[in-house]
Amino acid sequence: MLPTLTKLSVIIPARNESGAIACTVRNLHSELEQNAIVHEILVVDDGSRDNTWKILNSVKQEIPELRPLQNEAPHGYGRAVAYGIDRIEGDAAVILMADESDDAKDVVRYWKALNRGYHC
């Protein structure tokens, strides 16, 4: 018997993504909500010099599942991912690109595969 997974953590490393991050988070959240997937979205602002952090805090007002985090240093994609992984509350995690180059539907397929017994 497999343990039941109850919450998915999505980690999104972001650096200077003010043009895309709000849309990425909203579309991801919508897809997860439509599929009744309990989730949290951890966006790790990795030293942005644009309005990424301000936008994340604004979007947080409409999407409580959003957890904006700031990785003060050292910076880098892998470090931002690790920073997010260290702070997840879910039973499983997926890493998503901030520019929405990954399809949110794939996140749903991944969650369903995990719940069928796949490990990754």
Protein backbone atom coordinates (compact mmCIF):
# COMPACT_ATOMS: atom_id res chain seq x y z
CA MET A 1 0.00 0.00 0.00
CA LEU A 2 1.40 3.38 -1.04
CA PRO A 3 1.25 6.36 1.30
CA THR A 4 -1.20 9.01 0.18
CA LEU A 5 0.40 12.20 -1.08
CA THR A 6 -1.54 15.21 0.10
CA LYS A 7 0.37 18.33 -0.93
CA LEU A 8 2.52 19.29 -3.90
CA SER A 9 5.29 21.89 -3.59
CA VAL A 10 6.22 23.76 -6.76
CA ILE A 11 9.57 25.53 -6.67
CA ILE A 12 10.15 28.35 -9.13
CA PRO A 13 13.61 29.95 -9.12
CA ALA A 14 13.34 33.50 -10.45
CA ARG A 15 15.79 36.26 -11.27
CA ASN A 16 14.58 39.41 -12.97
CA GLU A 17 11.32 37.83 -14.09
CA SER A 18 9.00 40.82 -13.59
CA GLY A 19 7.62 40.43 -17.10
CA ALA A 20 6.50 36.82 -16.65
CA ILE A 21 6.25 35.78 -13.01
CA ALA A 22 2.68 36.92 -12.27
CA CYS A 23 1.31 35.11 -15.31
CA THR A 24 3.36 31.99 -14.54
CA VAL A 25 2.09 31.81 -10.96
CA ARG A 26 -1.53 32.56 -11.87
CA ASN A 27 -1.65 29.98 -14.67
CA LEU A 28 0.03 27.31 -12.55
CA HIS A 29 -2.29 27.96 -9.61
CA SER A 30 -5.34 27.84 -11.88
CA GLU A 31 -4.30 24.51 -13.39
CA LEU A 32 -3.64 22.97 -9.97
CA GLU A 33 -6.94 24.30 -8.60
CA GLN A 34 -8.87 22.92 -11.59
CA ASN A 35 -7.39 19.51 -10.84
CA ALA A 36 -8.07 19.74 -7.08
CA ILE A 37 -4.38 19.46 -6.20
CA VAL A 38 -3.50 20.86 -2.78
CA HIS A 39 -0.31 22.83 -3.33
CA GLU A 40 2.10 25.55 -2.42
CA ILE A 41 4.07 27.64 -4.89
CA LEU A 42 7.49 28.70 -3.65
CA VAL A 43 9.00 31.37 -5.87
CA VAL A 44 12.62 31.94 -4.92
CA ASP A 45 13.67 35.44 -5.90
CA ASP A 46 17.36 34.93 -6.57
CA GLY A 47 18.72 38.47 -6.31
CA SER A 48 16.40 40.19 -8.80
CA ARG A 49 17.14 43.82 -9.58
CA ASP A 50 13.75 44.47 -11.18
CA ASN A 51 10.24 44.42 -9.70
CA THR A 52 10.01 40.62 -9.30
CA TRP A 53 9.81 40.76 -5.48
CA LYS A 54 7.19 43.53 -5.49
CA ILE A 55 5.07 41.63 -8.03
CA LEU A 56 5.28 38.41 -6.01
CA ASN A 57 4.05 40.17 -2.88
CA SER A 58 1.17 41.66 -4.84
CA VAL A 59 0.16 38.29 -6.34
CA LYS A 60 0.38 36.73 -2.86
CA GLN A 61 -2.65 38.85 -1.90
CA GLU A 62 -4.81 36.92 -4.39
CA ILE A 63 -3.11 33.50 -4.18
CA PRO A 64 -2.48 32.44 -0.57
CA GLU A 65 -0.71 29.28 -1.77
CA LEU A 66 2.11 31.49 -3.06
CA ARG A 67 5.15 31.66 -0.77
CA PRO A 68 7.63 34.23 -2.07
CA LEU A 69 11.14 33.65 -0.74
CA GLN A 70 14.33 35.68 -1.14
CA ASN A 71 17.66 33.96 -1.58
CA GLU A 72 20.02 36.68 -0.42
CA ALA A 73 23.22 34.92 -1.57
CA PRO A 74 25.03 33.09 -2.94
CA HIS A 75 23.03 33.24 -6.15
CA GLY A 76 22.58 30.84 -9.04
CA TYR A 77 19.88 28.59 -10.44
CA GLY A 78 20.93 25.50 -8.49
CA ARG A 79 21.29 27.46 -5.27
CA ALA A 80 17.82 28.96 -5.71
CA VAL A 81 16.38 25.48 -6.30
CA ALA A 82 18.12 24.12 -3.18
CA TYR A 83 16.92 27.13 -1.17
CA GLY A 84 13.35 26.29 -2.18
CA ILE A 85 13.69 22.56 -1.58
CA ASP A 86 14.93 23.23 1.94
CA ARG A 87 11.68 25.07 2.68
CA ILE A 88 8.96 22.90 1.14
CA GLU A 89 6.01 21.68 3.18
CA GLY A 90 4.61 19.25 0.60
CA ASP A 91 5.02 15.51 0.13
CA ALA A 92 6.57 15.94 -3.32
CA ALA A 93 8.24 18.73 -5.25
CA VAL A 94 8.54 19.86 -8.83
CA ILE A 95 10.75 22.59 -10.23
CA LEU A 96 9.22 24.93 -12.77
CA MET A 97 10.76 27.66 -14.91
CA ALA A 98 9.68 31.22 -14.08
CA ASP A 99 9.17 32.21 -17.73
CA GLU A 100 6.36 29.66 -18.20
CA SER A 101 8.43 27.62 -20.65
CA ASP A 102 7.24 24.56 -18.69
CA ASP A 103 3.61 23.57 -19.13
CA ALA A 104 1.51 23.55 -15.95
CA LYS A 105 -0.35 20.54 -17.37
CA ASP A 106 2.90 18.58 -17.03
CA VAL A 107 2.90 19.39 -13.31
CA VAL A 108 -0.56 17.82 -13.05
CA ARG A 109 0.60 14.73 -14.99
CA TYR A 110 3.61 14.45 -12.67
CA TRP A 111 1.39 14.62 -9.54
CA LYS A 112 -0.91 11.94 -10.93
CA ALA A 113 2.07 9.68 -11.77
CA LEU A 114 3.43 10.07 -8.24
CA ASN A 115 0.06 9.06 -6.87
CA ARG A 116 0.14 5.92 -9.04
CA GLY A 117 3.36 4.87 -7.32
CA TYR A 118 6.13 6.43 -9.40
CA HIS A 119 9.01 7.88 -7.40
CA CYS A 120 10.08 10.54 -9.89
